Amino acid sequence: MSRIGKLPISIPAGVSVSMNDNVVTVKGPKGELSQYVNPEIKMEIKDGSVEFTRPSDQPQHRSMHGLYRALVNNMVVGVSEGYKKELELVGVGYRVSSQGQVLEFALGYTHNIFLQLPKEIKIETKSERNQNPLVILESCDKQLLGQVCAKIRSFRKPEPYKGKGVKFVGEQIRRKAGKSAGAK
């Protein structure tokens, strides 16, 4: 059995989980999410928890068992607590500003980069003196939040020599030594 798939998902107070035509809908204080679940994987909602079972031990059923359990668990956590990611812009002259759902980046290119964000994501930017600019993103959808963070990071990935670029707060970047001077 899948170790992840066997674990029941406890439903916190204020969150409702329902299933209709193989689509799981989770509603909570932070929002509402829905996800299709393969009809071969059975889902039961009982006593304030959700449990998943699979019909056989075939590799396809085993992989879907853990997958759908993890997706529904991420939805329950998202609508009850939400997810938050912080990105840091490291580099001289790197700036970010937000107007509504549009982020404007100055990352050392000839033109500024504009990014329209989905309405499900809340944005906050911080630019303090002698501190690297921060972009704080919050959402109830873990997958969408990760996708947007990956897109922002792709504009200027952290490079290994000086460490400049867009990185997550607390991320360790593997540094390289660079060329040695005065080799004979």
Protein backbone atom coordinates (compact mmCIF):
# COMPACT_ATOMS: atom_id res chain seq x y z
CA MET A 1 0.00 0.00 0.00
CA SER A 2 1.03 3.57 -0.60
CA ARG A 3 2.16 5.12 2.65
CA ILE A 4 0.88 8.53 1.61
CA GLY A 5 -2.35 7.14 0.13
CA LYS A 6 -3.24 5.26 3.32
CA LEU A 7 -3.11 8.36 5.52
CA PRO A 8 -6.54 9.88 6.19
CA ILE A 9 -7.00 13.63 5.65
CA SER A 10 -8.56 15.33 8.66
CA ILE A 11 -10.99 18.10 7.74
CA PRO A 12 -10.54 21.21 9.95
CA ALA A 13 -13.44 23.30 11.21
CA GLY A 14 -14.86 25.67 8.61
CA VAL A 15 -13.83 23.49 5.66
CA SER A 16 -16.29 21.42 3.63
CA VAL A 17 -15.34 18.63 1.21
CA SER A 18 -17.80 17.27 -1.37
CA MET A 19 -17.56 14.95 -4.37
CA ASN A 20 -19.80 15.10 -7.45
CA ASP A 21 -19.13 13.21 -10.72
CA ASN A 22 -15.48 12.44 -9.78
CA VAL A 23 -14.75 16.11 -9.03
CA VAL A 24 -13.74 16.93 -5.46
CA THR A 25 -14.67 20.43 -4.29
CA VAL A 26 -13.12 21.91 -1.14
CA LYS A 27 -14.53 25.14 0.34
CA GLY A 28 -13.02 27.09 3.20
CA PRO A 29 -12.38 30.56 4.59
CA LYS A 30 -9.52 31.27 2.11
CA GLY A 31 -11.39 30.17 -1.04
CA GLU A 32 -12.73 27.27 -3.07
CA LEU A 33 -10.79 24.67 -5.09
CA SER A 34 -11.82 21.69 -7.20
CA GLN A 35 -9.89 18.71 -8.61
CA TYR A 36 -10.81 15.78 -10.86
CA VAL A 37 -10.19 12.34 -9.29
CA ASN A 38 -9.88 9.21 -11.44
CA PRO A 39 -13.02 7.04 -10.93
CA GLU A 40 -10.86 3.95 -10.21
CA ILE A 41 -9.67 5.56 -6.95
CA LYS A 42 -12.49 5.50 -4.38
CA MET A 43 -12.88 8.39 -1.98
CA GLU A 44 -14.90 8.24 1.26
CA ILE A 45 -15.84 11.19 3.46
CA LYS A 46 -16.70 10.06 6.99
CA ASP A 47 -16.31 11.30 10.58
CA GLY A 48 -14.51 14.52 9.64
CA SER A 49 -11.88 12.81 7.48
CA VAL A 50 -11.30 11.77 3.88
CA GLU A 51 -9.88 8.35 2.95
CA PHE A 52 -8.73 6.98 -0.41
CA THR A 53 -8.68 3.32 -1.51
CA ARG A 54 -7.45 1.66 -4.69
CA PRO A 55 -8.80 -1.42 -6.47
CA SER A 56 -5.51 -3.30 -7.04
CA ASP A 57 -1.74 -3.21 -6.61
CA GLN A 58 -1.00 -2.32 -10.23
CA PRO A 59 1.70 0.38 -10.56
CA GLN A 60 -0.79 2.79 -12.16
CA HIS A 61 -3.27 2.42 -9.29
CA ARG A 62 -0.49 2.73 -6.70
CA SER A 63 0.78 5.99 -8.19
CA MET A 64 -2.70 7.52 -8.51
CA HIS A 65 -3.55 6.50 -4.92
CA GLY A 66 -0.84 8.68 -3.38
CA LEU A 67 -1.22 11.42 -6.00
CA TYR A 68 -4.90 12.16 -5.44
CA ARG A 69 -4.54 11.94 -1.67
CA ALA A 70 -1.71 14.52 -1.81
CA LEU A 71 -3.64 16.82 -4.16
CA VAL A 72 -6.76 16.81 -1.97
CA ASN A 73 -4.65 17.32 1.17
CA ASN A 74 -2.97 20.35 -0.46
CA MET A 75 -6.43 21.73 -1.29
CA VAL A 76 -7.64 21.29 2.32
CA VAL A 77 -4.52 22.99 3.73
CA GLY A 78 -4.79 25.76 1.12
CA VAL A 79 -8.40 26.75 1.84
CA SER A 80 -7.88 26.59 5.62
CA GLU A 81 -4.37 28.09 6.10
CA GLY A 82 -3.18 29.18 2.65
CA TYR A 83 0.31 29.11 1.16
CA LYS A 84 2.93 31.85 1.16
CA LYS A 85 6.16 32.23 -0.85
CA GLU A 86 8.78 34.97 -0.57
CA LEU A 87 11.14 35.81 -3.43
CA GLU A 88 14.23 38.00 -3.01
CA LEU A 89 15.90 40.06 -5.77
CA VAL A 90 19.68 40.01 -5.26
CA GLY A 91 21.65 42.45 -7.42
CA VAL A 92 22.55 46.11 -7.77
CA GLY A 93 19.66 48.05 -9.32
CA TYR A 94 17.18 45.15 -9.21
CA ARG A 95 13.73 46.53 -8.34
CA VAL A 96 10.13 45.38 -8.25
CA SER A 97 6.85 47.28 -7.94
CA SER A 98 3.20 46.29 -8.14
CA GLN A 99 0.17 48.09 -9.51
CA GLY A 100 -2.90 45.94 -8.82
CA GLN A 101 -2.22 42.45 -10.22
CA VAL A 102 0.71 43.58 -12.42
CA LEU A 103 4.31 43.21 -11.24
CA GLU A 104 7.02 45.35 -12.85
CA PHE A 105 10.60 44.05 -12.60
CA ALA A 106 13.84 45.92 -13.32
CA LEU A 107 16.40 43.09 -13.52
CA GLY A 108 19.27 44.59 -15.48
CA TYR A 109 17.79 44.13 -18.94
CA THR A 110 17.23 47.02 -21.39
CA HIS A 111 13.47 46.98 -20.71
CA ASN A 112 11.41 46.34 -17.60
CA ILE A 113 9.49 43.06 -17.38
CA PHE A 114 5.74 43.23 -16.71
CA LEU A 115 3.91 40.16 -15.37
CA GLN A 116 0.11 39.92 -15.07
CA LEU A 117 -0.74 37.66 -12.12
CA PRO A 118 -3.95 35.62 -11.69
CA LYS A 119 -6.62 37.11 -9.41
CA GLU A 120 -6.27 34.16 -6.98
CA ILE A 121 -2.83 35.39 -5.88
CA LYS A 122 -2.31 38.23 -3.40
CA ILE A 123 0.84 40.31 -3.97
CA GLU A 124 2.96 42.40 -1.64
CA THR A 125 6.28 44.04 -2.50
CA LYS A 126 8.81 45.41 -0.01
CA SER A 127 11.69 47.71 -0.91
CA GLU A 128 13.63 48.93 2.12
CA ARG A 129 16.89 50.84 2.12
CA ASN A 130 20.00 48.59 2.31
CA GLN A 131 17.80 45.49 1.92
CA ASN A 132 17.11 43.33 -1.12
CA PRO A 133 13.63 43.89 -2.63
CA LEU A 134 11.08 41.22 -1.67
CA VAL A 135 8.03 39.85 -3.48
CA ILE A 136 5.54 38.12 -1.15
CA LEU A 137 2.92 35.95 -2.85
CA GLU A 138 -0.04 34.31 -1.07
CA SER A 139 -2.68 31.95 -2.43
CA CYS A 140 -4.86 28.97 -1.50
CA ASP A 141 -3.77 27.07 -4.65
CA LYS A 142 -0.34 25.50 -4.08
CA GLN A 143 0.14 24.47 -7.71
CA LEU A 144 -0.68 27.91 -9.13
CA LEU A 145 1.54 29.64 -6.56
CA GLY A 146 4.50 27.40 -7.41
CA GLN A 147 4.00 27.95 -11.12
CA VAL A 148 3.97 31.75 -10.73
CA CYS A 149 7.08 31.65 -8.50
CA ALA A 150 8.89 29.52 -11.09
CA LYS A 151 7.94 32.01 -13.82
CA ILE A 152 9.23 34.97 -11.78
CA ARG A 153 12.44 33.10 -10.96
CA SER A 154 12.99 32.26 -14.65
CA PHE A 155 13.37 35.97 -15.49
CA ARG A 156 16.82 36.00 -13.82
CA LYS A 157 17.92 32.74 -12.18
CA PRO A 158 20.55 33.00 -9.42
CA GLU A 159 24.01 32.64 -10.91
CA PRO A 160 26.75 30.72 -9.05
CA TYR A 161 29.59 33.29 -9.18
CA LYS A 162 28.18 36.41 -7.52
CA GLY A 163 24.82 35.01 -6.38
CA LYS A 164 22.81 37.63 -8.30
CA GLY A 165 19.29 36.88 -9.46
CA VAL A 166 15.80 36.07 -8.17
CA LYS A 167 15.82 33.48 -5.38
CA PHE A 168 13.56 32.21 -2.62
CA VAL A 169 14.15 33.68 0.85
CA GLY A 170 16.39 31.29 2.77
CA GLU A 171 17.53 29.40 -0.35
CA GLN A 172 21.20 28.36 -0.40
CA ILE A 173 22.93 28.92 -3.74
CA ARG A 174 25.93 26.76 -4.61
CA ARG A 175 28.78 29.16 -5.25
CA LYS A 176 31.74 28.65 -7.57
CA ALA A 177 35.25 30.04 -7.10
CA GLY A 178 35.67 31.73 -10.49
CA LYS A 179 38.91 31.87 -12.43
CA SER A 180 42.19 32.04 -10.52
CA ALA A 181 44.35 35.05 -11.28
CA GLY A 182 48.07 34.86 -11.99
CA ALA A 183 48.26 31.26 -13.24
CA LYS A 184 51.67 30.60 -14.82
